[in-house]
């Protein structure tokens, strides 16, 4: 099982990566193109799902946290040290902490 410090580090990375995908101006052009792509076939469930994925901090954050955790576990050679269920709980911990950071950040913008 990875340490609480590593979970915190991955949560910070997940928070930042989620902000990049969903909000940052760096990817505005890509989001506009994906939205235009979806509007060409507005009843496409697949296209709507892709646009929802990149515009929702919860949706993006979940998959980004999983990807970061998987890369971390493989690079640090920890993938085979614990059962898959343990890694599932680690994924929940990383994604949960990252979304808490996103919620905190969003609440600061409103106030």
Protein backbone atom coordinates (compact mmCIF):
# COMPACT_ATOMS: atom_id res chain seq x y z
CA UNK A 1 0.00 0.00 0.00
CA UNK A 2 1.30 3.44 -0.84
CA UNK A 3 2.02 5.92 1.93
CA UNK A 4 -0.29 8.76 2.95
CA UNK A 5 2.35 11.21 1.72
CA UNK A 6 2.27 9.63 -1.74
CA UNK A 7 -1.54 9.70 -1.75
CA UNK A 8 -1.36 13.41 -0.92
CA UNK A 9 1.19 13.99 -3.69
CA UNK A 10 -0.95 12.12 -6.22
CA UNK A 11 -4.05 14.02 -5.05
CA UNK A 12 -2.27 17.35 -5.63
CA UNK A 13 -1.19 16.18 -9.08
CA UNK A 14 -4.71 14.95 -9.81
CA UNK A 15 -6.19 18.27 -8.72
CA UNK A 16 -3.83 20.21 -10.97
CA UNK A 17 -4.32 17.89 -13.96
CA UNK A 18 -8.10 18.12 -13.56
CA UNK A 19 -7.91 21.91 -13.49
CA UNK A 20 -5.84 21.77 -16.68
CA UNK A 21 -8.34 19.56 -18.49
CA UNK A 22 -11.54 21.26 -17.32
CA UNK A 23 -10.73 24.93 -16.71
CA UNK A 24 -7.32 26.16 -17.87
CA UNK A 25 -7.11 28.45 -20.87
CA UNK A 26 -4.24 26.37 -22.26
CA UNK A 27 -6.78 23.80 -23.48
CA UNK A 28 -9.57 26.23 -24.42
CA UNK A 29 -9.01 25.63 -28.14
CA UNK A 30 -9.25 21.87 -27.74
CA UNK A 31 -12.43 22.16 -25.69
CA UNK A 32 -13.99 24.47 -28.29
CA UNK A 33 -13.12 22.04 -31.10
CA UNK A 34 -14.54 19.11 -29.15
CA UNK A 35 -17.72 21.06 -28.46
CA UNK A 36 -18.07 21.92 -32.17
CA UNK A 37 -17.47 18.25 -33.01
CA UNK A 38 -20.27 17.26 -30.64
CA UNK A 39 -22.64 19.92 -32.04
CA UNK A 40 -22.32 18.44 -35.55
CA UNK A 41 -24.10 15.34 -34.20
CA UNK A 42 -25.86 16.55 -31.05
CA UNK A 43 -27.77 13.31 -30.50
CA UNK A 44 -24.64 11.15 -30.46
CA UNK A 45 -24.34 9.54 -27.04
CA UNK A 46 -20.62 8.91 -27.55
CA UNK A 47 -19.86 12.53 -28.46
CA UNK A 48 -21.96 13.84 -25.60
CA UNK A 49 -20.11 11.51 -23.20
CA UNK A 50 -16.71 12.76 -24.38
CA UNK A 51 -17.73 16.42 -23.93
CA UNK A 52 -19.18 15.65 -20.50
CA UNK A 53 -15.99 13.87 -19.51
CA UNK A 54 -13.79 16.87 -20.26
CA UNK A 55 -16.13 19.44 -18.74
CA UNK A 56 -16.88 17.76 -15.40
CA UNK A 57 -14.30 17.92 -12.60
CA UNK A 58 -15.74 14.77 -11.03
CA UNK A 59 -15.68 12.76 -14.27
CA UNK A 60 -12.25 13.93 -15.41
CA UNK A 61 -10.83 13.83 -11.90
CA UNK A 62 -11.82 10.21 -11.39
CA UNK A 63 -10.05 9.00 -14.55
CA UNK A 64 -7.06 11.30 -14.12
CA UNK A 65 -6.57 10.05 -10.55
CA UNK A 66 -6.72 6.46 -11.78
CA UNK A 67 -4.21 7.11 -14.54
CA UNK A 68 -1.82 8.91 -12.19
CA UNK A 69 -2.08 6.14 -9.61
CA UNK A 70 -1.52 3.42 -12.22
CA UNK A 71 1.56 5.18 -13.60
CA UNK A 72 2.88 5.73 -10.06
CA UNK A 73 2.38 2.08 -9.14
CA UNK A 74 4.06 0.81 -12.31
CA UNK A 75 6.99 3.25 -12.23
CA UNK A 76 7.71 2.60 -8.54
CA UNK A 77 7.30 -1.16 -9.08
CA UNK A 78 4.49 -1.40 -6.52
CA UNK A 79 1.78 -2.76 -8.83
CA UNK A 80 2.25 -6.40 -7.83
CA UNK A 81 2.94 -5.82 -4.12
CA UNK A 82 -0.74 -5.55 -3.11
CA UNK A 83 -4.01 -7.09 -4.28
CA UNK A 84 -5.99 -5.22 -6.92
CA UNK A 85 -8.66 -4.37 -4.34
CA UNK A 86 -6.09 -2.39 -2.32
CA UNK A 87 -5.23 -0.39 -5.43
CA UNK A 88 -8.95 0.25 -5.88
CA UNK A 89 -9.08 1.78 -2.41
CA UNK A 90 -5.97 3.83 -3.20
CA UNK A 91 -7.74 5.08 -6.34
CA UNK A 92 -10.72 6.14 -4.24
CA UNK A 93 -8.42 7.92 -1.79
CA UNK A 94 -6.51 9.81 -4.49
CA UNK A 95 -9.65 10.77 -6.41
CA UNK A 96 -11.49 11.77 -3.23
CA UNK A 97 -8.68 13.98 -1.98
CA UNK A 98 -8.27 15.59 -5.41
CA UNK A 99 -11.99 16.37 -5.68
CA UNK A 100 -11.93 17.89 -2.19
CA UNK A 101 -9.21 20.23 -3.43
CA UNK A 102 -11.33 21.06 -6.49
CA UNK A 103 -14.37 21.75 -4.28
CA UNK A 104 -12.30 23.96 -2.00
CA UNK A 105 -10.92 25.85 -5.00
CA UNK A 106 -14.40 26.29 -6.51
CA UNK A 107 -15.80 27.56 -3.20
CA UNK A 108 -13.08 30.23 -3.04
CA UNK A 109 -14.08 31.55 -6.49
CA UNK A 110 -17.71 31.99 -5.47
CA UNK A 111 -16.98 33.85 -2.24
